[in-house]
C-alpha atoms as a PDB file:
ATOM      1  CA  GLN A   1     -30.341 -83.711 142.795  1.00  0.00           C
ATOM      2  CA  VAL A   2     -34.059 -84.145 142.437  1.00  0.00           C
ATOM      3  CA  GLN A   3     -35.592 -87.133 140.704  1.00  0.00           C
ATOM      4  CA  LEU A   4     -38.992 -86.742 139.081  1.00  0.00           C
ATOM      5  CA  VAL A   5     -41.217 -89.539 137.809  1.00  0.00           C
ATOM      6  CA  GLU A   6     -44.386 -88.739 135.887  1.00  0.00           C
ATOM      7  CA  SER A   7     -47.402 -90.967 135.382  1.00  0.00           C
ATOM      8  CA  GLY A   8     -50.938 -90.746 134.078  1.00  0.00           C
ATOM      9  CA  GLY A   9     -50.538 -89.949 130.404  1.00  0.00           C
ATOM     10  CA  GLY A  10     -52.352 -91.801 127.670  1.00  0.00           C
ATOM     11  CA  LEU A  11     -54.909 -91.627 124.901  1.00  0.00           C
ATOM     12  CA  VAL A  12     -58.212 -89.859 125.522  1.00  0.00           C
ATOM     13  CA  GLN A  13     -61.065 -88.665 123.357  1.00  0.00           C
ATOM     14  CA  PRO A  14     -61.809 -84.970 122.947  1.00  0.00           C
ATOM     15  CA  GLY A  15     -63.783 -83.738 125.932  1.00  0.00           C
ATOM     16  CA  GLY A  16     -62.281 -86.377 128.183  1.00  0.00           C
ATOM     17  CA  SER A  17     -60.110 -86.049 131.273  1.00  0.00           C
ATOM     18  CA  LEU A  18     -56.711 -87.196 132.449  1.00  0.00           C
ATOM     19  CA  ARG A  19     -54.798 -86.712 135.664  1.00  0.00           C
ATOM     20  CA  LEU A  20     -51.025 -86.470 135.554  1.00  0.00           C
ATOM     21  CA  SER A  21     -48.961 -87.119 138.650  1.00  0.00           C
ATOM     22  CA  CYS A  22     -45.328 -86.403 139.370  1.00  0.00           C
ATOM     23  CA  ALA A  23     -43.423 -87.891 142.292  1.00  0.00           C
ATOM     24  CA  ALA A  24     -40.377 -85.993 143.502  1.00  0.00           C
ATOM     25  CA  SER A  25     -37.563 -87.528 145.511  1.00  0.00           C
ATOM     26  CA  GLY A  26     -34.007 -86.758 146.487  1.00  0.00           C
ATOM     27  CA  SER A  27     -32.967 -83.297 147.546  1.00  0.00           C
ATOM     28  CA  ILE A  28     -36.434 -81.754 147.712  1.00  0.00           C
ATOM     29  CA  SER A  29     -35.629 -79.162 150.332  1.00  0.00           C
ATOM     30  CA  SER A  30     -35.641 -75.544 149.134  1.00  0.00           C
ATOM     31  CA  ILE A  31     -38.017 -76.292 146.256  1.00  0.00           C
ATOM     32  CA  THR A  32     -39.678 -72.991 145.395  1.00  0.00           C
ATOM     33  CA  ALA A  33     -42.009 -74.035 142.591  1.00  0.00           C
ATOM     34  CA  MET A  34     -43.395 -77.137 140.922  1.00  0.00           C
ATOM     35  CA  GLY A  35     -45.013 -77.190 137.526  1.00  0.00           C
ATOM     36  CA  TRP A  36     -45.952 -78.827 134.269  1.00  0.00           C
ATOM     37  CA  TYR A  37     -44.701 -77.975 130.811  1.00  0.00           C
ATOM     38  CA  ARG A  38     -45.516 -79.541 127.468  1.00  0.00           C
ATOM     39  CA  GLN A  39     -43.932 -79.880 124.079  1.00  0.00           C
ATOM     40  CA  ALA A  40     -45.891 -80.665 120.956  1.00  0.00           C
ATOM     41  CA  PRO A  41     -44.175 -81.919 117.780  1.00  0.00           C
ATOM     42  CA  GLY A  42     -42.371 -79.105 116.014  1.00  0.00           C
ATOM     43  CA  LYS A  43     -43.029 -76.648 118.816  1.00  0.00           C
ATOM     44  CA  GLN A  44     -41.073 -75.258 121.733  1.00  0.00           C
ATOM     45  CA  ARG A  45     -41.643 -76.441 125.265  1.00  0.00           C
ATOM     46  CA  GLU A  46     -44.186 -74.210 126.982  1.00  0.00           C
ATOM     47  CA  LEU A  47     -45.493 -73.661 130.478  1.00  0.00           C
ATOM     48  CA  VAL A  48     -48.848 -75.267 131.247  1.00  0.00           C
ATOM     49  CA  ALA A  49     -49.207 -74.596 134.962  1.00  0.00           C
ATOM     50  CA  ILE A  50     -47.047 -73.790 137.956  1.00  0.00           C
ATOM     51  CA  ILE A  51     -47.608 -73.732 141.705  1.00  0.00           C
ATOM     52  CA  THR A  52     -45.246 -71.942 144.064  1.00  0.00           C
ATOM     53  CA  ILE A  53     -44.183 -72.779 147.582  1.00  0.00           C
ATOM     54  CA  GLY A  54     -46.831 -70.336 148.753  1.00  0.00           C
ATOM     55  CA  ARG A  55     -49.427 -72.171 146.607  1.00  0.00           C
ATOM     56  CA  SER A  56     -49.826 -69.352 144.122  1.00  0.00           C
ATOM     57  CA  LYS A  57     -50.870 -70.803 140.786  1.00  0.00           C
ATOM     58  CA  ASN A  58     -50.377 -69.667 137.227  1.00  0.00           C
ATOM     59  CA  TYR A  59     -51.808 -71.230 134.102  1.00  0.00           C
ATOM     60  CA  ALA A  60     -51.325 -70.839 130.387  1.00  0.00           C
ATOM     61  CA  ASP A  61     -54.273 -68.893 129.009  1.00  0.00           C
ATOM     62  CA  SER A  62     -55.242 -71.805 126.793  1.00  0.00           C
ATOM     63  CA  VAL A  63     -55.858 -74.140 129.757  1.00  0.00           C
ATOM     64  CA  LYS A  64     -57.453 -71.778 132.293  1.00  0.00           C
ATOM     65  CA  GLY A  65     -60.732 -73.146 133.577  1.00  0.00           C
ATOM     66  CA  ARG A  66     -59.952 -76.667 132.320  1.00  0.00           C
ATOM     67  CA  PHE A  67     -56.702 -77.659 134.051  1.00  0.00           C
ATOM     68  CA  THR A  68     -55.975 -77.608 137.780  1.00  0.00           C
ATOM     69  CA  ILE A  69     -52.551 -77.970 139.382  1.00  0.00           C
ATOM     70  CA  SER A  70     -52.114 -79.146 142.962  1.00  0.00           C
ATOM     71  CA  ARG A  71     -49.363 -80.397 145.225  1.00  0.00           C
ATOM     72  CA  ASP A  72     -49.044 -82.075 148.585  1.00  0.00           C
ATOM     73  CA  ASN A  73     -47.720 -80.336 151.693  1.00  0.00           C
ATOM     74  CA  ALA A  74     -44.480 -82.295 151.651  1.00  0.00           C
ATOM     75  CA  LYS A  75     -43.651 -81.121 148.111  1.00  0.00           C
ATOM     76  CA  THR A  76     -43.267 -84.718 147.006  1.00  0.00           C
ATOM     77  CA  MET A  77     -46.187 -84.813 144.572  1.00  0.00           C
ATOM     78  CA  VAL A  78     -47.555 -82.411 142.007  1.00  0.00           C
ATOM     79  CA  ASP A  79     -50.646 -83.290 139.999  1.00  0.00           C
ATOM     80  CA  LEU A  80     -52.299 -81.836 136.935  1.00  0.00           C
ATOM     81  CA  GLN A  81     -55.997 -82.505 136.479  1.00  0.00           C
ATOM     82  CA  MET A  82     -56.920 -81.956 132.850  1.00  0.00           C
ATOM     83  CA  ASN A  83     -60.581 -81.711 131.886  1.00  0.00           C
ATOM     84  CA  ASN A  84     -62.335 -81.066 128.582  1.00  0.00           C
ATOM     85  CA  LEU A  85     -59.227 -82.039 126.683  1.00  0.00           C
ATOM     86  CA  LYS A  86     -58.795 -80.876 123.118  1.00  0.00           C
ATOM     87  CA  PRO A  87     -56.721 -82.282 120.251  1.00  0.00           C
ATOM     88  CA  GLU A  88     -54.399 -79.293 120.523  1.00  0.00           C
ATOM     89  CA  ASN A  89     -53.500 -80.446 124.034  1.00  0.00           C
ATOM     90  CA  THR A  90     -51.656 -83.402 122.513  1.00  0.00           C
ATOM     91  CA  ALA A  91     -48.029 -83.219 123.624  1.00  0.00           C
ATOM     92  CA  VAL A  92     -45.389 -84.703 125.847  1.00  0.00           C
ATOM     93  CA  TYR A  93     -45.963 -83.310 129.321  1.00  0.00           C
ATOM     94  CA  TYR A  94     -42.980 -82.719 131.598  1.00  0.00           C
ATOM     95  CA  CYS A  95     -42.875 -82.239 135.327  1.00  0.00           C
ATOM     96  CA  ASN A  96     -40.536 -79.503 136.551  1.00  0.00           C
ATOM     97  CA  VAL A  97     -39.283 -78.315 139.899  1.00  0.00           C
ATOM     98  CA  ARG A  98     -37.292 -75.219 140.626  1.00  0.00           C
ATOM     99  CA  LYS A  99     -35.099 -74.769 143.671  1.00  0.00           C
ATOM    100  CA  MET A 100     -34.022 -71.676 145.547  1.00  0.00           C
ATOM    101  CA  SER A 101     -30.661 -71.952 143.758  1.00  0.00           C
ATOM    102  CA  MET A 102     -32.600 -71.503 140.485  1.00  0.00           C
ATOM    103  CA  ASP A 103     -31.645 -75.030 139.417  1.00  0.00           C
ATOM    104  CA  ASN A 104     -34.351 -76.710 137.357  1.00  0.00           C
ATOM    105  CA  TYR A 105     -35.098 -80.419 137.286  1.00  0.00           C
ATOM    106  CA  TRP A 106     -37.173 -82.272 134.704  1.00  0.00           C
ATOM    107  CA  GLY A 107     -38.992 -85.557 134.525  1.00  0.00           C
ATOM    108  CA  GLN A 108     -38.719 -87.893 131.576  1.00  0.00           C
ATOM    109  CA  GLY A 109     -42.055 -86.803 130.125  1.00  0.00           C
ATOM    110  CA  THR A 110     -45.382 -88.528 129.614  1.00  0.00           C
ATOM    111  CA  GLN A 111     -47.316 -88.587 126.355  1.00  0.00           C
ATOM    112  CA  VAL A 112     -50.835 -87.187 126.245  1.00  0.00           C
ATOM    113  CA  THR A 113     -52.765 -87.819 123.048  1.00  0.00           C
ATOM    114  CA  VAL A 114     -56.237 -86.384 122.511  1.00  0.00           C
ATOM    115  CA  SER A 115     -57.896 -87.980 119.524  1.00  0.00           C
ATOM    116  CA  SER A 116     -61.130 -89.577 118.469  1.00  0.00           C
END
């Protein structure tokens, strides 16, 4: 089992920045990828950004150039730096890790609200 705890969400004005952090603990060996997803009201959960064990990164087209994902060498932390936030970025953001077994683990989610 992997436990994930997110932090850093909140209310920010359009154009502002937030940094989300996710701390992983438990059985973190054989993690192959760490990422962030989000779910807005009435919409399906979608990928925001993912970073693999080899540090390859992929981003949703809508956040490219504004969001940056990073992780530590020990695979215990994955962060999402979000700049130039827009109202359409409002959602609950979830941390995710994937293991070699293809098991997925999710955090409890953190609310991000972009509003003036």
